[in-house]
């Protein structure tokens, strides 16, 4: 099991990035969350099977069709199993 904490920059707000991330994460049976940051980046935590988390990492390199990802900070953390599902967090 694996956990990744990612902060994605570029054109990632106002284009349904969070909703698309949630849909992709659920399709991969991942848990965690995604939220917008005040500086126009998106932050997310993903937990699940190693290969599924890796697939999600690759997805985040491009995001949904309208996104223009220019970079992201990636940190592998200890898997905790603390999440029951994958959610969108609101509020910056």
C-alpha atoms as a PDB file:
ATOM      1  CA  UNK A   1       0.000   0.000   0.000  1.00  0.00           C
ATOM      2  CA  UNK A   2       1.176   3.495  -0.827  1.00  0.00           C
ATOM      3  CA  UNK A   3       0.440   7.138  -0.004  1.00  0.00           C
ATOM      4  CA  UNK A   4       1.348  10.157  -2.138  1.00  0.00           C
ATOM      5  CA  UNK A   5       0.947  13.835  -1.300  1.00  0.00           C
ATOM      6  CA  UNK A   6       0.980  15.991  -4.428  1.00  0.00           C
ATOM      7  CA  UNK A   7       0.735  19.741  -5.048  1.00  0.00           C
ATOM      8  CA  UNK A   8       0.006  20.515  -8.702  1.00  0.00           C
ATOM      9  CA  UNK A   9       0.644  23.863 -10.374  1.00  0.00           C
ATOM     10  CA  UNK A  10      -0.368  25.378 -13.684  1.00  0.00           C
ATOM     11  CA  UNK A  11      -3.843  25.917 -15.079  1.00  0.00           C
ATOM     12  CA  UNK A  12      -5.554  23.661 -12.550  1.00  0.00           C
ATOM     13  CA  UNK A  13      -8.372  25.744 -11.058  1.00  0.00           C
ATOM     14  CA  UNK A  14     -11.670  26.693 -12.695  1.00  0.00           C
ATOM     15  CA  UNK A  15     -11.566  23.697 -15.047  1.00  0.00           C
ATOM     16  CA  UNK A  16     -13.099  20.916 -12.899  1.00  0.00           C
ATOM     17  CA  UNK A  17      -9.672  19.580 -11.923  1.00  0.00           C
ATOM     18  CA  UNK A  18     -10.883  18.503  -8.467  1.00  0.00           C
ATOM     19  CA  UNK A  19     -13.972  16.723  -9.809  1.00  0.00           C
ATOM     20  CA  UNK A  20     -11.909  14.978 -12.490  1.00  0.00           C
ATOM     21  CA  UNK A  21      -9.305  13.980  -9.901  1.00  0.00           C
ATOM     22  CA  UNK A  22     -12.003  12.529  -7.666  1.00  0.00           C
ATOM     23  CA  UNK A  23     -13.497  10.556 -10.558  1.00  0.00           C
ATOM     24  CA  UNK A  24     -10.086   9.172 -11.567  1.00  0.00           C
ATOM     25  CA  UNK A  25      -9.196   8.296  -7.958  1.00  0.00           C
ATOM     26  CA  UNK A  26     -12.486   6.492  -7.383  1.00  0.00           C
ATOM     27  CA  UNK A  27     -12.030   4.543 -10.630  1.00  0.00           C
ATOM     28  CA  UNK A  28      -8.659   3.388  -9.261  1.00  0.00           C
ATOM     29  CA  UNK A  29     -10.197   2.502  -5.870  1.00  0.00           C
ATOM     30  CA  UNK A  30      -8.090   5.119  -4.073  1.00  0.00           C
ATOM     31  CA  UNK A  31      -8.910   7.023  -0.920  1.00  0.00           C
ATOM     32  CA  UNK A  32      -7.834  10.502   0.166  1.00  0.00           C
ATOM     33  CA  UNK A  33      -8.751  14.048  -0.802  1.00  0.00           C
ATOM     34  CA  UNK A  34      -8.175  16.920  -3.236  1.00  0.00           C
ATOM     35  CA  UNK A  35      -8.528  20.674  -2.671  1.00  0.00           C
ATOM     36  CA  UNK A  36      -7.754  24.057  -4.209  1.00  0.00           C
ATOM     37  CA  UNK A  37      -5.071  26.224  -2.628  1.00  0.00           C
ATOM     38  CA  UNK A  38      -5.161  30.023  -2.368  1.00  0.00           C
ATOM     39  CA  UNK A  39      -2.169  30.336  -4.697  1.00  0.00           C
ATOM     40  CA  UNK A  40      -4.117  28.645  -7.551  1.00  0.00           C
ATOM     41  CA  UNK A  41      -2.483  25.244  -7.129  1.00  0.00           C
ATOM     42  CA  UNK A  42      -4.277  21.987  -6.299  1.00  0.00           C
ATOM     43  CA  UNK A  43      -3.246  19.720  -3.428  1.00  0.00           C
ATOM     44  CA  UNK A  44      -4.133  16.039  -3.094  1.00  0.00           C
ATOM     45  CA  UNK A  45      -3.411  12.963  -1.013  1.00  0.00           C
ATOM     46  CA  UNK A  46      -3.892   9.492  -2.505  1.00  0.00           C
ATOM     47  CA  UNK A  47      -3.802   6.143  -0.718  1.00  0.00           C
ATOM     48  CA  UNK A  48      -4.213   2.656  -2.105  1.00  0.00           C
ATOM     49  CA  UNK A  49      -2.549  -0.178  -3.974  1.00  0.00           C
ATOM     50  CA  UNK A  50       0.942   0.754  -5.179  1.00  0.00           C
ATOM     51  CA  UNK A  51       0.206   0.407  -8.898  1.00  0.00           C
ATOM     52  CA  UNK A  52      -3.076   2.331  -8.608  1.00  0.00           C
ATOM     53  CA  UNK A  53      -1.397   5.208  -6.770  1.00  0.00           C
ATOM     54  CA  UNK A  54       1.317   5.236  -9.429  1.00  0.00           C
ATOM     55  CA  UNK A  55      -1.363   5.402 -12.156  1.00  0.00           C
ATOM     56  CA  UNK A  56      -2.897   8.389 -10.364  1.00  0.00           C
ATOM     57  CA  UNK A  57       0.493  10.086 -10.170  1.00  0.00           C
ATOM     58  CA  UNK A  58       0.870   9.726 -13.936  1.00  0.00           C
ATOM     59  CA  UNK A  59      -2.656  11.107 -14.435  1.00  0.00           C
ATOM     60  CA  UNK A  60      -1.753  14.158 -12.329  1.00  0.00           C
ATOM     61  CA  UNK A  61       1.121  14.970 -14.671  1.00  0.00           C
ATOM     62  CA  UNK A  62      -1.485  15.974 -17.278  1.00  0.00           C
ATOM     63  CA  UNK A  63      -4.839  16.234 -15.478  1.00  0.00           C
ATOM     64  CA  UNK A  64      -8.145  16.591 -17.315  1.00  0.00           C
ATOM     65  CA  UNK A  65      -8.296  17.892 -20.908  1.00  0.00           C
ATOM     66  CA  UNK A  66      -8.512  21.623 -20.067  1.00  0.00           C
ATOM     67  CA  UNK A  67      -5.648  21.511 -17.548  1.00  0.00           C
ATOM     68  CA  UNK A  68      -2.150  22.745 -18.279  1.00  0.00           C
ATOM     69  CA  UNK A  69       0.055  21.188 -15.618  1.00  0.00           C
ATOM     70  CA  UNK A  70       3.378  23.013 -15.387  1.00  0.00           C
ATOM     71  CA  UNK A  71       4.747  21.123 -12.411  1.00  0.00           C
ATOM     72  CA  UNK A  72       4.069  19.368  -9.184  1.00  0.00           C
ATOM     73  CA  UNK A  73       5.690  18.630  -5.873  1.00  0.00           C
ATOM     74  CA  UNK A  74       5.468  14.985  -4.941  1.00  0.00           C
ATOM     75  CA  UNK A  75       6.110  13.415  -1.548  1.00  0.00           C
ATOM     76  CA  UNK A  76       5.715   9.770  -0.694  1.00  0.00           C
ATOM     77  CA  UNK A  77       4.466   9.406   2.871  1.00  0.00           C
ATOM     78  CA  UNK A  78       3.749   6.488   5.153  1.00  0.00           C
ATOM     79  CA  UNK A  79       0.483   4.757   4.316  1.00  0.00           C
ATOM     80  CA  UNK A  80      -2.039   5.335   7.135  1.00  0.00           C
ATOM     81  CA  UNK A  81      -5.334   3.860   5.936  1.00  0.00           C
ATOM     82  CA  UNK A  82      -7.093   6.807   7.591  1.00  0.00           C
ATOM     83  CA  UNK A  83      -9.525   7.556   4.746  1.00  0.00           C
ATOM     84  CA  UNK A  84     -12.791   5.779   4.013  1.00  0.00           C
ATOM     85  CA  UNK A  85     -13.268   7.289   0.532  1.00  0.00           C
ATOM     86  CA  UNK A  86     -11.977   9.982  -1.809  1.00  0.00           C
ATOM     87  CA  UNK A  87     -13.387  13.452  -1.199  1.00  0.00           C
ATOM     88  CA  UNK A  88     -13.162  17.009  -2.447  1.00  0.00           C
ATOM     89  CA  UNK A  89     -12.306  19.465   0.317  1.00  0.00           C
ATOM     90  CA  UNK A  90     -13.801  22.914  -0.138  1.00  0.00           C
ATOM     91  CA  UNK A  91     -12.516  26.251   1.085  1.00  0.00           C
ATOM     92  CA  UNK A  92      -9.076  27.618   0.423  1.00  0.00           C
END
